[in-house]
Structure formats: structure tokens, C-alpha cells
Amino acid sequence: MIRVLIVDDEALVRAGLRMILDSAEDIEVVGEAADGTEAVTAVARHWPHVVLMDVRMPRMDGVAALREINRSPEPPKVVMLTTFDLDEYVHGALRARAAGFLLKDTAPRDLIAAVRTVADGSAILAPTVTRRLIDTFAGHGSADTHAARRRLALLSGRERDVASAVARGLSNAEIARELDMSETTVKAHVSRSLAKLGLANRVQIALLVRDAD
């Protein structure tokens, strides 16, 4: 059973998310929190596997809460919920190693699938989310071109091909068609690249590729 904590300052949003997640037999909502401060306490109390957390909240925002949560010995996977009206928060969440980003209007089945994916150890970023983040933050990375190229040299040729496609905001299905490989193989290349580069999600791969250009 996947244990989930919902964090949002709007009660109606929390209720909607709970209703969607409660419909899945393998997901249990173990708690709710209305701000980042409550979220940190709730994580320690409920030990969730996945946290769905709003970016913008009173007292302590989602990014600050993510940093606090990630200081614990075995932190849960934190997926940030956003409407993209405050991109600087999203950038902060990227740096704080969020496990993924979801739009608040994500379809119910996609939300459930995202929770399962993150609980399984993978990052979740919809292609539209990836493209928006890349467009917003390209050129704002801390690595210079030579350093980025040295890091990418750790990847195999095929892994670099996949990374380049990720940088263009392509989904796994689109990459599979373009590179003539299965989606399972694409996912494996992405996972190995994340491990080799010490990154948390595919957006960080995309930004590294952009830094290397």
C-alpha cells in the first residue's frame, strides 16, 4: 500500500485529491496538512511514501518544506503541485530535488499513475511541464559549458541521444519513436543517466544538456 500525505492550504483542493486517491485500491491517504510547517510535522508522524505538496502556501511554502523534509534520514518522495503562476518557486523546488511536478488540473487517472510512478522510485514530469520548465530556466543553471560537457561525457552514446531528446521536451513515447527503441528501453536509459549524473529528474537532465550547448 502506497502511503500518501496531501499538503495544500485550500481545503477543497485537499478534499478533491483525497477523493481521487481513495479510489485507488493500492493508495492510502494517511494525512493532510495546510502549510509547510504542518507538512514537516505530518511527515514525521505518518511516514508517507509520497507527499503531494502545493508550491505556494502560508507560513512555510512548499519549497522550504521540501528542504526540511529532505533532511530526514529516509525522506518520502515529494511531488510539487503547481499552476505555474510562480515559476521561481518551481526553480527552487528543482534545486531542492523534488521528485516531480504536477499541474493542479492533472486528470485523476494521471494523478494516480504519477503517485505509483514516484513511489516506485522514478521521477514524474509531464512533457508539457518539462517543456515549460526548460523554456523558463534554460541558461540559468550554475554549471558552465565545459563542466556540463564533462558531466555528460559520463553517459554512453545512446544515453546522450536520449538525454538530448529529453532536453527537447519529448515524452518517453516520442523518444522511443524517434530513436527506434521501446519505451521500456528509453525509461532504462533515463534512469541510468539520472544515477550516473546524480540528478533527481529529467528536467535536471534537460537543463544540463542545455548548459552544455
C-alpha atoms as a PDB file:
ATOM      1  CA  MET A   1       0.000   0.000   0.000  1.00  0.00           C
ATOM      2  CA  ILE A   2       1.326   3.428  -1.000  1.00  0.00           C
ATOM      3  CA  ARG A   3       1.009   5.913   1.852  1.00  0.00           C
ATOM      4  CA  VAL A   4       0.320   9.486   0.704  1.00  0.00           C
ATOM      5  CA  LEU A   5       0.298  12.824   2.517  1.00  0.00           C
ATOM      6  CA  ILE A   6      -1.627  15.705   0.913  1.00  0.00           C
ATOM      7  CA  VAL A   7      -0.407  19.252   1.549  1.00  0.00           C
ATOM      8  CA  ASP A   8      -2.364  22.274   0.312  1.00  0.00           C
ATOM      9  CA  ASP A   9      -3.692  25.390   2.002  1.00  0.00           C
ATOM     10  CA  GLU A  10      -7.083  25.027   0.283  1.00  0.00           C
ATOM     11  CA  ALA A  11      -9.410  22.523   1.949  1.00  0.00           C
ATOM     12  CA  LEU A  12     -11.346  21.934  -1.274  1.00  0.00           C
ATOM     13  CA  VAL A  13      -8.164  21.012  -3.131  1.00  0.00           C
ATOM     14  CA  ARG A  14      -7.185  18.564  -0.398  1.00  0.00           C
ATOM     15  CA  ALA A  15     -10.668  17.030  -0.458  1.00  0.00           C
ATOM     16  CA  GLY A  16     -10.549  16.629  -4.236  1.00  0.00           C
ATOM     17  CA  LEU A  17      -7.134  14.993  -4.169  1.00  0.00           C
ATOM     18  CA  ARG A  18      -8.194  12.666  -1.365  1.00  0.00           C
ATOM     19  CA  MET A  19     -11.308  11.617  -3.272  1.00  0.00           C
ATOM     20  CA  ILE A  20      -9.255  10.777  -6.354  1.00  0.00           C
ATOM     21  CA  LEU A  21      -6.568   8.860  -4.465  1.00  0.00           C
ATOM     22  CA  ASP A  22      -9.084   6.983  -2.304  1.00  0.00           C
ATOM     23  CA  SER A  23     -10.471   5.452  -5.495  1.00  0.00           C
ATOM     24  CA  ALA A  24      -7.216   3.516  -5.979  1.00  0.00           C
ATOM     25  CA  GLU A  25      -7.003   0.224  -4.111  1.00  0.00           C
ATOM     26  CA  ASP A  26      -3.244   0.419  -3.647  1.00  0.00           C
ATOM     27  CA  ILE A  27      -3.112   4.004  -2.302  1.00  0.00           C
ATOM     28  CA  GLU A  28      -3.912   5.188   1.222  1.00  0.00           C
ATOM     29  CA  VAL A  29      -4.121   8.860   2.198  1.00  0.00           C
ATOM     30  CA  VAL A  30      -2.577   8.848   5.671  1.00  0.00           C
ATOM     31  CA  GLY A  31      -2.853  12.543   6.440  1.00  0.00           C
ATOM     32  CA  GLU A  32      -3.329  16.137   5.328  1.00  0.00           C
ATOM     33  CA  ALA A  33      -1.554  19.418   6.055  1.00  0.00           C
ATOM     34  CA  ALA A  34      -2.478  23.026   5.305  1.00  0.00           C
ATOM     35  CA  ASP A  35       1.026  24.522   5.075  1.00  0.00           C
ATOM     36  CA  GLY A  36       4.697  23.636   5.005  1.00  0.00           C
ATOM     37  CA  THR A  37       5.144  23.715   8.764  1.00  0.00           C
ATOM     38  CA  GLU A  38       2.311  21.230   9.239  1.00  0.00           C
ATOM     39  CA  ALA A  39       3.734  19.132   6.393  1.00  0.00           C
ATOM     40  CA  VAL A  40       7.100  18.670   8.096  1.00  0.00           C
ATOM     41  CA  THR A  41       5.374  17.562  11.305  1.00  0.00           C
ATOM     42  CA  ALA A  42       2.961  15.294   9.429  1.00  0.00           C
ATOM     43  CA  VAL A  43       5.786  13.537   7.578  1.00  0.00           C
ATOM     44  CA  ALA A  44       7.439  12.682  10.892  1.00  0.00           C
ATOM     45  CA  ARG A  45       4.131  11.456  12.277  1.00  0.00           C
ATOM     46  CA  HIS A  46       2.721   9.454   9.354  1.00  0.00           C
ATOM     47  CA  TRP A  47       5.842   8.284   7.445  1.00  0.00           C
ATOM     48  CA  PRO A  48       4.277   8.596   3.984  1.00  0.00           C
ATOM     49  CA  HIS A  49       5.897   7.161   0.892  1.00  0.00           C
ATOM     50  CA  VAL A  50       4.758  10.086  -1.270  1.00  0.00           C
ATOM     51  CA  VAL A  51       3.878  13.696  -0.459  1.00  0.00           C
ATOM     52  CA  LEU A  52       1.723  15.757  -2.815  1.00  0.00           C
ATOM     53  CA  MET A  53       2.531  19.349  -1.870  1.00  0.00           C
ATOM     54  CA  ASP A  54       1.419  22.724  -3.110  1.00  0.00           C
ATOM     55  CA  VAL A  55       4.225  25.127  -4.009  1.00  0.00           C
ATOM     56  CA  ARG A  56       2.714  28.316  -2.609  1.00  0.00           C
ATOM     57  CA  MET A  57       1.381  28.198   0.965  1.00  0.00           C
ATOM     58  CA  PRO A  58       1.324  30.455   4.051  1.00  0.00           C
ATOM     59  CA  ARG A  59       3.823  30.273   6.953  1.00  0.00           C
ATOM     60  CA  MET A  60       6.186  27.897   5.134  1.00  0.00           C
ATOM     61  CA  ASP A  61       5.945  27.412   1.361  1.00  0.00           C
ATOM     62  CA  GLY A  62       6.334  24.086  -0.376  1.00  0.00           C
ATOM     63  CA  VAL A  63       9.962  24.607  -1.363  1.00  0.00           C
ATOM     64  CA  ALA A  64      11.061  25.395   2.200  1.00  0.00           C
ATOM     65  CA  ALA A  65       9.097  22.389   3.457  1.00  0.00           C
ATOM     66  CA  LEU A  66      10.719  20.184   0.797  1.00  0.00           C
ATOM     67  CA  ARG A  67      14.172  21.206   2.007  1.00  0.00           C
ATOM     68  CA  GLU A  68      13.231  20.389   5.600  1.00  0.00           C
ATOM     69  CA  ILE A  69      11.686  17.049   4.651  1.00  0.00           C
ATOM     70  CA  ASN A  70      14.740  16.050   2.622  1.00  0.00           C
ATOM     71  CA  ARG A  71      16.940  16.490   5.690  1.00  0.00           C
ATOM     72  CA  SER A  72      15.368  13.411   7.277  1.00  0.00           C
ATOM     73  CA  PRO A  73      17.307  10.110   7.020  1.00  0.00           C
ATOM     74  CA  GLU A  74      14.763   8.442   4.712  1.00  0.00           C
ATOM     75  CA  PRO A  75      12.645  11.215   3.196  1.00  0.00           C
ATOM     76  CA  PRO A  76       9.496  10.456   1.214  1.00  0.00           C
ATOM     77  CA  LYS A  77       9.204  11.330  -2.460  1.00  0.00           C
ATOM     78  CA  VAL A  78       7.765  14.839  -2.768  1.00  0.00           C
ATOM     79  CA  VAL A  79       5.734  15.837  -5.807  1.00  0.00           C
ATOM     80  CA  MET A  80       5.061  19.547  -6.136  1.00  0.00           C
ATOM     81  CA  LEU A  81       1.646  20.771  -7.239  1.00  0.00           C
ATOM     82  CA  THR A  82       1.726  23.957  -9.292  1.00  0.00           C
ATOM     83  CA  THR A  83      -0.282  26.169 -11.613  1.00  0.00           C
ATOM     84  CA  PHE A  84       2.943  27.726 -12.991  1.00  0.00           C
ATOM     85  CA  ASP A  85       1.919  31.210 -11.934  1.00  0.00           C
ATOM     86  CA  LEU A  86       5.085  31.451  -9.792  1.00  0.00           C
ATOM     87  CA  ASP A  87       7.936  29.870 -11.729  1.00  0.00           C
ATOM     88  CA  GLU A  88      10.596  30.978  -9.249  1.00  0.00           C
ATOM     89  CA  TYR A  89       9.080  28.542  -6.749  1.00  0.00           C
ATOM     90  CA  VAL A  90       9.343  25.749  -9.298  1.00  0.00           C
ATOM     91  CA  HIS A  91      13.024  26.573  -9.860  1.00  0.00           C
ATOM     92  CA  GLY A  92      13.616  26.374  -6.119  1.00  0.00           C
ATOM     93  CA  ALA A  93      11.858  23.025  -5.972  1.00  0.00           C
ATOM     94  CA  LEU A  94      14.084  21.716  -8.753  1.00  0.00           C
ATOM     95  CA  ARG A  95      17.172  22.687  -6.801  1.00  0.00           C
ATOM     96  CA  ALA A  96      15.686  21.109  -3.666  1.00  0.00           C
ATOM     97  CA  ARG A  97      15.347  17.792  -5.546  1.00  0.00           C
ATOM     98  CA  ALA A  98      11.597  17.458  -5.899  1.00  0.00           C
ATOM     99  CA  ALA A  99      10.614  14.029  -7.226  1.00  0.00           C
ATOM    100  CA  GLY A 100       8.313  15.622  -9.761  1.00  0.00           C
ATOM    101  CA  PHE A 101       5.826  18.284 -10.699  1.00  0.00           C
ATOM    102  CA  LEU A 102       2.119  18.008 -11.460  1.00  0.00           C
ATOM    103  CA  LEU A 103      -0.323  20.624 -12.624  1.00  0.00           C
ATOM    104  CA  LYS A 104      -3.302  21.046 -10.311  1.00  0.00           C
ATOM    105  CA  ASP A 105      -5.650  20.214 -13.167  1.00  0.00           C
ATOM    106  CA  THR A 106      -3.986  16.849 -13.827  1.00  0.00           C
ATOM    107  CA  ALA A 107      -6.530  14.210 -14.813  1.00  0.00           C
ATOM    108  CA  PRO A 108      -7.471  11.786 -11.995  1.00  0.00           C
ATOM    109  CA  ARG A 109      -6.027   8.692 -13.682  1.00  0.00           C
ATOM    110  CA  ASP A 110      -2.783  10.565 -14.405  1.00  0.00           C
ATOM    111  CA  LEU A 111      -2.561  11.678 -10.775  1.00  0.00           C
ATOM    112  CA  ILE A 112      -2.923   8.099  -9.566  1.00  0.00           C
ATOM    113  CA  ALA A 113      -0.377   6.895 -12.119  1.00  0.00           C
ATOM    114  CA  ALA A 114       2.038   9.622 -11.022  1.00  0.00           C
ATOM    115  CA  VAL A 115       1.818   8.581  -7.377  1.00  0.00           C
ATOM    116  CA  ARG A 116       2.546   4.978  -8.331  1.00  0.00           C
ATOM    117  CA  THR A 117       5.460   6.003 -10.541  1.00  0.00           C
ATOM    118  CA  VAL A 118       7.084   8.157  -7.869  1.00  0.00           C
ATOM    119  CA  ALA A 119       6.534   5.529  -5.175  1.00  0.00           C
ATOM    120  CA  ASP A 120       8.336   3.083  -7.454  1.00  0.00           C
ATOM    121  CA  GLY A 121      11.395   5.330  -7.439  1.00  0.00           C
ATOM    122  CA  SER A 122      11.002   7.225 -10.705  1.00  0.00           C
ATOM    123  CA  ALA A 123      10.548  10.948 -11.245  1.00  0.00           C
ATOM    124  CA  ILE A 124       7.323  12.196 -12.815  1.00  0.00           C
ATOM    125  CA  LEU A 125       7.179  15.178 -15.123  1.00  0.00           C
ATOM    126  CA  ALA A 126       4.558  15.530 -17.828  1.00  0.00           C
ATOM    127  CA  PRO A 127       6.063  16.501 -21.192  1.00  0.00           C
ATOM    128  CA  THR A 128       4.233  19.844 -21.120  1.00  0.00           C
ATOM    129  CA  VAL A 129       5.694  20.506 -17.674  1.00  0.00           C
ATOM    130  CA  THR A 130       9.168  19.591 -18.904  1.00  0.00           C
ATOM    131  CA  ARG A 131       8.939  21.930 -21.878  1.00  0.00           C
ATOM    132  CA  ARG A 132       7.740  24.834 -19.750  1.00  0.00           C
ATOM    133  CA  LEU A 133      10.490  24.380 -17.189  1.00  0.00           C
ATOM    134  CA  ILE A 134      13.186  24.078 -19.841  1.00  0.00           C
ATOM    135  CA  ASP A 135      11.964  27.201 -21.627  1.00  0.00           C
ATOM    136  CA  THR A 136      11.847  29.122 -18.364  1.00  0.00           C
ATOM    137  CA  PHE A 137      15.158  28.085 -16.841  1.00  0.00           C
ATOM    138  CA  ALA A 138      17.439  27.383 -19.796  1.00  0.00           C
ATOM    139  CA  GLY A 139      20.594  29.409 -19.286  1.00  0.00           C
ATOM    140  CA  HIS A 140      20.042  29.822 -15.551  1.00  0.00           C
ATOM    141  CA  GLY A 141      21.990  26.742 -14.438  1.00  0.00           C
ATOM    142  CA  SER A 142      25.042  27.057 -12.248  1.00  0.00           C
ATOM    143  CA  ALA A 143      27.283  24.804 -14.379  1.00  0.00           C
ATOM    144  CA  ASP A 144      29.417  26.346 -17.128  1.00  0.00           C
ATOM    145  CA  THR A 145      29.549  24.814 -20.585  1.00  0.00           C
ATOM    146  CA  HIS A 146      32.786  22.862 -20.084  1.00  0.00           C
ATOM    147  CA  ALA A 147      31.669  21.449 -16.725  1.00  0.00           C
ATOM    148  CA  ALA A 148      28.334  20.378 -18.183  1.00  0.00           C
ATOM    149  CA  ARG A 149      30.054  18.676 -21.108  1.00  0.00           C
ATOM    150  CA  ARG A 150      32.378  16.802 -18.752  1.00  0.00           C
ATOM    151  CA  ARG A 151      29.419  15.503 -16.807  1.00  0.00           C
ATOM    152  CA  LEU A 152      27.568  14.410 -19.932  1.00  0.00           C
ATOM    153  CA  ALA A 153      30.702  12.534 -21.028  1.00  0.00           C
ATOM    154  CA  LEU A 154      29.836  10.029 -18.291  1.00  0.00           C
ATOM    155  CA  LEU A 155      26.925   8.833 -20.417  1.00  0.00           C
ATOM    156  CA  SER A 156      27.058   6.271 -23.189  1.00  0.00           C
ATOM    157  CA  GLY A 157      26.308   7.377 -26.742  1.00  0.00           C
ATOM    158  CA  ARG A 158      22.737   6.089 -26.594  1.00  0.00           C
ATOM    159  CA  GLU A 159      22.182   7.676 -23.209  1.00  0.00           C
ATOM    160  CA  ARG A 160      23.333  11.012 -24.639  1.00  0.00           C
ATOM    161  CA  ASP A 161      20.905  10.587 -27.539  1.00  0.00           C
ATOM    162  CA  VAL A 162      18.079  10.083 -25.071  1.00  0.00           C
ATOM    163  CA  ALA A 163      19.252  12.993 -22.918  1.00  0.00           C
ATOM    164  CA  SER A 164      19.239  15.281 -25.966  1.00  0.00           C
ATOM    165  CA  ALA A 165      15.685  14.224 -26.754  1.00  0.00           C
ATOM    166  CA  VAL A 166      14.678  14.841 -23.144  1.00  0.00           C
ATOM    167  CA  ALA A 167      16.142  18.352 -23.475  1.00  0.00           C
ATOM    168  CA  ARG A 168      13.733  18.968 -26.336  1.00  0.00           C
ATOM    169  CA  GLY A 169      10.843  18.110 -24.043  1.00  0.00           C
ATOM    170  CA  LEU A 170       9.942  14.829 -25.717  1.00  0.00           C
ATOM    171  CA  SER A 171       7.982  12.193 -23.832  1.00  0.00           C
ATOM    172  CA  ASN A 172       9.274   8.631 -23.490  1.00  0.00           C
ATOM    173  CA  ALA A 173       6.867   7.534 -26.239  1.00  0.00           C
ATOM    174  CA  GLU A 174       8.107  10.275 -28.572  1.00  0.00           C
ATOM    175  CA  ILE A 175      11.745   9.422 -27.831  1.00  0.00           C
ATOM    176  CA  ALA A 176      11.055   5.745 -28.467  1.00  0.00           C
ATOM    177  CA  ARG A 177       9.592   6.505 -31.892  1.00  0.00           C
ATOM    178  CA  GLU A 178      12.373   8.920 -32.836  1.00  0.00           C
ATOM    179  CA  LEU A 179      15.231   6.652 -31.740  1.00  0.00           C
ATOM    180  CA  ASP A 180      13.554   3.392 -32.758  1.00  0.00           C
ATOM    181  CA  MET A 181      13.576   1.774 -29.332  1.00  0.00           C
ATOM    182  CA  SER A 182      10.978   0.612 -26.845  1.00  0.00           C
ATOM    183  CA  GLU A 183       9.583   2.882 -24.142  1.00  0.00           C
ATOM    184  CA  THR A 184      10.993   0.465 -21.571  1.00  0.00           C
ATOM    185  CA  THR A 185      14.473   0.947 -23.023  1.00  0.00           C
ATOM    186  CA  VAL A 186      14.036   4.732 -23.008  1.00  0.00           C
ATOM    187  CA  LYS A 187      12.994   4.633 -19.366  1.00  0.00           C
ATOM    188  CA  ALA A 188      16.034   2.482 -18.544  1.00  0.00           C
ATOM    189  CA  HIS A 189      18.370   4.950 -20.277  1.00  0.00           C
ATOM    190  CA  VAL A 190      16.830   7.857 -18.381  1.00  0.00           C
ATOM    191  CA  SER A 191      17.122   6.026 -15.061  1.00  0.00           C
ATOM    192  CA  ARG A 192      20.771   5.125 -15.667  1.00  0.00           C
ATOM    193  CA  SER A 193      21.549   8.688 -16.739  1.00  0.00           C
ATOM    194  CA  LEU A 194      19.979  10.088 -13.562  1.00  0.00           C
ATOM    195  CA  ALA A 195      22.081   7.701 -11.469  1.00  0.00           C
ATOM    196  CA  LYS A 196      25.325   8.460 -13.328  1.00  0.00           C
ATOM    197  CA  LEU A 197      24.803  12.224 -13.168  1.00  0.00           C
ATOM    198  CA  GLY A 198      23.475  12.319  -9.612  1.00  0.00           C
ATOM    199  CA  LEU A 199      20.288  14.091 -10.711  1.00  0.00           C
ATOM    200  CA  ALA A 200      16.747  13.795  -9.419  1.00  0.00           C
ATOM    201  CA  ASN A 201      14.576  14.132 -12.527  1.00  0.00           C
ATOM    202  CA  ARG A 202      14.514  14.528 -16.298  1.00  0.00           C
ATOM    203  CA  VAL A 203      14.219  18.306 -16.171  1.00  0.00           C
ATOM    204  CA  GLN A 204      17.631  18.449 -14.491  1.00  0.00           C
ATOM    205  CA  ILE A 205      18.972  16.289 -17.330  1.00  0.00           C
ATOM    206  CA  ALA A 206      17.452  18.696 -19.833  1.00  0.00           C
ATOM    207  CA  LEU A 207      18.958  21.741 -18.150  1.00  0.00           C
ATOM    208  CA  LEU A 208      22.391  20.082 -18.046  1.00  0.00           C
ATOM    209  CA  VAL A 209      22.169  19.363 -21.775  1.00  0.00           C
ATOM    210  CA  ARG A 210      21.207  22.991 -22.399  1.00  0.00           C
ATOM    211  CA  ASP A 211      24.170  24.158 -20.299  1.00  0.00           C
ATOM    212  CA  ALA A 212      26.458  22.002 -22.441  1.00  0.00           C
ATOM    213  CA  ASP A 213      25.290  23.571 -25.726  1.00  0.00           C
END
